[in-house]
Amino acid sequence: MSKLEELLAELCPDGVEYVRLNKICKIYDGTHQTPTYTASGVKFVSVENINSLYDTQKYISEEDFKKYKIKPQIDDVFMTRIGSIGVCTVVERSEPLAYYVSLALLRPDTQKASSKFLKYVIESLQGRKELRKRTLVNAVPIKINKDDIGKITIPVPPLPVQNEIVRILDNFTELTAELTAELTAELTAR
């Protein structure tokens, strides 16, 4: 029996509880106004930066950033809500970030859900199906309203189970990246 199976048997003998996302985290969106960009200052991110938040080349002034009520903090989760819906990244630095309405900021209750688990469950097939139910597919580009994000239902096992799932998926992701790099190097060498 694997460690995950043991944890599930011990901590979830009656199965895993499913809850609405807004019961385990607060959900915010970014500015609805196109900002005035500056040459330097606070990094400004949108849906195009989801895979590398800190590599953005857009900045806003410190003064404009002060107007933000909700500022990202470590362990918040950014999720795309326009275009390619449901792609997530976890905030890993305390560096100030300003963000556009194309991103939702999810702030999990860390007593109930880990950020990385939240990222994985939203990006899972089940998470995507839940988001799709509430997506405005006739909009161009497609989008999901901020309040509808909180209505999706996800599995929320106890934290030790979440942590084990994250450990397994992180290892899998790392091994996949290594294999891809090896295959790419071999194909390039030919």
Protein backbone atom coordinates (compact mmCIF):
# COMPACT_ATOMS: atom_id res chain seq x y z
CA MET A 1 0.00 0.00 0.00
CA SER A 2 1.40 3.42 -0.96
CA LYS A 3 1.76 6.29 1.49
CA LEU A 4 -1.11 8.10 -0.27
CA GLU A 5 -3.36 5.06 0.02
CA GLU A 6 -2.48 4.74 3.71
CA LEU A 7 -3.28 8.42 4.33
CA LEU A 8 -6.58 8.16 2.47
CA ALA A 9 -7.55 5.02 4.41
CA GLU A 10 -6.65 6.64 7.72
CA LEU A 11 -7.89 10.21 7.18
CA CYS A 12 -10.71 9.75 4.65
CA PRO A 13 -12.40 6.45 5.47
CA ASP A 14 -15.72 7.80 4.17
CA GLY A 15 -14.24 9.47 1.09
CA VAL A 16 -13.02 12.96 0.33
CA GLU A 17 -15.21 15.99 0.95
CA TYR A 18 -16.09 18.21 -2.03
CA VAL A 19 -16.53 21.92 -1.33
CA ARG A 20 -17.09 25.12 -3.24
CA LEU A 21 -13.88 26.98 -3.89
CA ASN A 22 -15.18 30.12 -2.16
CA LYS A 23 -15.46 28.11 1.09
CA ILE A 24 -11.70 27.53 1.25
CA CYS A 25 -10.29 30.67 -0.34
CA LYS A 26 -10.97 34.31 -1.08
CA ILE A 27 -11.09 35.29 -4.75
CA TYR A 28 -10.08 38.65 -6.15
CA ASP A 29 -9.46 40.10 -9.59
CA GLY A 30 -7.01 42.71 -10.78
CA THR A 31 -7.49 46.18 -12.09
CA HIS A 32 -10.15 46.68 -14.74
CA GLN A 33 -8.37 49.72 -16.15
CA THR A 34 -5.46 49.54 -18.54
CA PRO A 35 -2.64 51.03 -16.50
CA THR A 36 -0.16 53.70 -17.46
CA TYR A 37 3.05 51.77 -17.97
CA THR A 38 6.39 53.08 -16.78
CA ALA A 39 10.01 52.17 -17.55
CA SER A 40 10.48 50.73 -14.07
CA GLY A 41 8.59 50.34 -10.81
CA VAL A 42 6.22 47.55 -9.78
CA LYS A 43 5.96 44.61 -12.16
CA PHE A 44 2.58 44.35 -13.87
CA VAL A 45 1.31 40.89 -14.85
CA SER A 46 -1.58 39.57 -16.86
CA VAL A 47 -2.65 36.29 -18.44
CA GLU A 48 0.38 36.35 -20.77
CA ASN A 49 2.72 36.08 -17.75
CA ILE A 50 1.10 33.12 -16.04
CA ASN A 51 4.02 30.76 -16.72
CA SER A 52 6.70 33.22 -15.61
CA LEU A 53 5.26 35.95 -13.40
CA TYR A 54 8.50 37.69 -12.64
CA ASP A 55 9.74 37.92 -16.26
CA THR A 56 7.24 40.59 -17.28
CA GLN A 57 8.57 43.68 -19.05
CA LYS A 58 5.63 45.85 -17.96
CA TYR A 59 5.74 48.12 -14.93
CA ILE A 60 3.49 50.62 -13.16
CA SER A 61 4.46 53.38 -10.77
CA GLU A 62 4.71 52.86 -7.01
CA GLU A 63 2.00 55.51 -6.67
CA ASP A 64 -0.44 53.56 -8.88
CA PHE A 65 0.39 50.35 -7.00
CA LYS A 66 -0.62 51.96 -3.70
CA LYS A 67 -4.20 52.09 -5.06
CA TYR A 68 -4.38 48.27 -5.11
CA LYS A 69 -6.49 47.01 -2.22
CA ILE A 70 -5.41 43.39 -2.54
CA LYS A 71 -1.71 42.84 -3.08
CA PRO A 72 -0.37 39.36 -3.92
CA GLN A 73 1.52 37.57 -1.18
CA ILE A 74 3.48 34.34 -0.93
CA ASP A 75 1.24 31.25 -1.42
CA ASP A 76 -1.49 33.12 -3.27
CA VAL A 77 -2.50 31.45 -6.53
CA PHE A 78 -2.97 33.34 -9.78
CA MET A 79 -5.44 31.75 -12.19
CA THR A 80 -6.18 32.82 -15.74
CA ARG A 81 -9.81 33.79 -16.21
CA ILE A 82 -9.81 35.04 -19.80
CA GLY A 83 -8.82 33.03 -22.88
CA SER A 84 -7.04 29.93 -21.62
CA ILE A 85 -9.05 29.55 -18.42
CA GLY A 86 -7.73 27.71 -15.37
CA VAL A 87 -3.96 27.92 -15.83
CA CYS A 88 -2.42 28.60 -12.42
CA THR A 89 0.81 29.62 -10.76
CA VAL A 90 1.71 30.00 -7.11
CA VAL A 91 3.22 33.28 -5.89
CA GLU A 92 6.61 32.32 -4.48
CA ARG A 93 8.20 35.70 -3.74
CA SER A 94 7.27 38.65 -1.59
CA GLU A 95 8.11 40.94 -4.51
CA PRO A 96 5.26 43.40 -5.25
CA LEU A 97 3.13 42.49 -8.29
CA ALA A 98 0.30 44.44 -9.87
CA TYR A 99 -2.17 42.39 -11.89
CA TYR A 100 -4.80 42.82 -14.54
CA VAL A 101 -8.43 41.67 -14.53
CA SER A 102 -7.47 38.74 -16.80
CA LEU A 103 -6.10 37.05 -13.67
CA ALA A 104 -7.93 35.93 -10.56
CA LEU A 105 -6.02 35.95 -7.30
CA LEU A 106 -6.96 33.04 -5.03
CA ARG A 107 -5.95 33.33 -1.40
CA PRO A 108 -6.48 29.93 0.24
CA ASP A 109 -7.25 29.41 3.90
CA THR A 110 -4.01 27.55 4.68
CA GLN A 111 -5.76 25.57 7.43
CA LYS A 112 -7.94 23.98 4.72
CA ALA A 113 -5.98 23.98 1.46
CA SER A 114 -2.39 24.21 0.31
CA SER A 115 -1.63 26.56 -2.59
CA LYS A 116 0.10 23.94 -4.68
CA PHE A 117 -2.74 21.48 -4.16
CA LEU A 118 -5.19 24.17 -5.24
CA LYS A 119 -3.13 24.77 -8.39
CA TYR A 120 -3.06 21.07 -9.24
CA VAL A 121 -6.75 20.47 -8.57
CA ILE A 122 -7.85 23.49 -10.63
CA GLU A 123 -5.62 22.42 -13.52
CA SER A 124 -6.85 18.82 -13.32
CA LEU A 125 -9.41 17.44 -15.75
CA GLN A 126 -12.10 17.67 -13.06
CA GLY A 127 -11.12 21.25 -12.20
CA ARG A 128 -11.24 22.26 -15.87
CA LYS A 129 -14.67 20.64 -16.27
CA GLU A 130 -15.96 22.58 -13.28
CA LEU A 131 -14.61 25.84 -14.70
CA ARG A 132 -16.03 25.07 -18.13
CA LYS A 133 -19.55 24.77 -16.67
CA ARG A 134 -19.36 28.43 -15.66
CA THR A 135 -17.36 29.80 -18.58
CA LEU A 136 -18.96 32.38 -20.84
CA VAL A 137 -18.16 30.59 -24.10
CA ASN A 138 -19.98 33.11 -26.29
CA ALA A 139 -17.75 35.94 -25.06
CA VAL A 140 -14.75 36.88 -27.19
CA PRO A 141 -12.34 35.86 -25.81
CA ILE A 142 -14.02 33.31 -23.57
CA LYS A 143 -13.95 34.17 -19.87
CA ILE A 144 -15.24 33.26 -16.45
CA ASN A 145 -16.60 35.85 -14.06
CA LYS A 146 -14.76 36.24 -10.77
CA ASP A 147 -17.80 35.28 -8.67
CA ASP A 148 -18.39 32.14 -10.75
CA ILE A 149 -14.89 30.87 -9.99
CA GLY A 150 -15.90 30.48 -6.34
CA LYS A 151 -18.84 28.27 -7.34
CA ILE A 152 -16.72 25.44 -8.69
CA THR A 153 -16.68 22.32 -6.53
CA ILE A 154 -13.38 20.61 -5.81
CA PRO A 155 -12.18 17.72 -3.64
CA VAL A 156 -10.53 18.88 -0.41
CA PRO A 157 -8.86 16.04 1.47
CA PRO A 158 -7.07 16.71 4.78
CA LEU A 159 -3.77 18.63 4.50
CA PRO A 160 -1.50 15.56 4.93
CA VAL A 161 -3.23 13.98 1.91
CA GLN A 162 -2.94 17.22 -0.06
CA ASN A 163 0.77 17.43 0.76
CA GLU A 164 1.39 13.86 -0.39
CA ILE A 165 -0.49 14.49 -3.66
CA VAL A 166 1.61 17.64 -4.23
CA ARG A 167 4.81 15.71 -3.50
CA ILE A 168 3.88 13.02 -6.04
CA LEU A 169 2.84 15.53 -8.72
CA ASP A 170 5.92 17.72 -8.17
CA ASN A 171 8.16 14.64 -8.61
CA PHE A 172 6.27 13.64 -11.74
CA THR A 173 6.58 17.16 -13.16
CA GLU A 174 10.32 17.23 -12.44
CA LEU A 175 10.86 13.81 -14.04
CA THR A 176 8.82 14.83 -17.10
CA ALA A 177 10.93 17.99 -17.51
CA GLU A 178 14.15 15.97 -17.24
CA LEU A 179 12.93 13.43 -19.80
CA THR A 180 11.83 16.17 -22.18
CA ALA A 181 15.23 17.85 -21.87
CA GLU A 182 17.02 14.57 -22.58
CA LEU A 183 14.84 13.81 -25.60
CA THR A 184 15.27 17.32 -26.96
CA ALA A 185 19.05 17.10 -26.54
CA GLU A 186 19.12 13.74 -28.32
CA LEU A 187 16.98 14.97 -31.20
CA THR A 188 19.09 18.12 -31.54
CA ALA A 189 22.29 16.04 -31.62
CA ARG A 190 21.05 14.03 -34.62
